[in-house]
Amino acid sequence: MDANAEKKTLTRRQMVGAVLVRVSGGMTLSAAIGEVVNFGFSDGDGREVRRKRRTLYRWVADFRKEGIEGLKPRRALRRRHCTEAFSHECPGVIGSGDL
């Protein structure tokens, strides 16, 4: 994982962790997310990061399902997997690596 993706993953882990600490303390998931969206988190470069409720719900679900792997940026993962699958399954098609 490159340094930028690692920073994003760690920031997401901080945000999800803040939600899950509140849930373990008795808050509902909705209330916990509602509280955490108002916080600013550092992105690793000192910039403040805030995310929408929907994003936090998705990250919590991804973390519960896949652990820290679920918090890795998906675009990079999807692109790599799609390219690998595409090049193996569709030889001769533009973008499959055969040109």
Foldseek 3Di string as FASTA:
>chain_A
DDPLQVLQLVQLVVLLVQLVVVVVVPDDSVVSLVVSQPDWTQSVVRDTDHDDSVVSVQSNVQCVVPNSVSSGDVVVVVVVVCLVCCLVPPPPDPSNPND
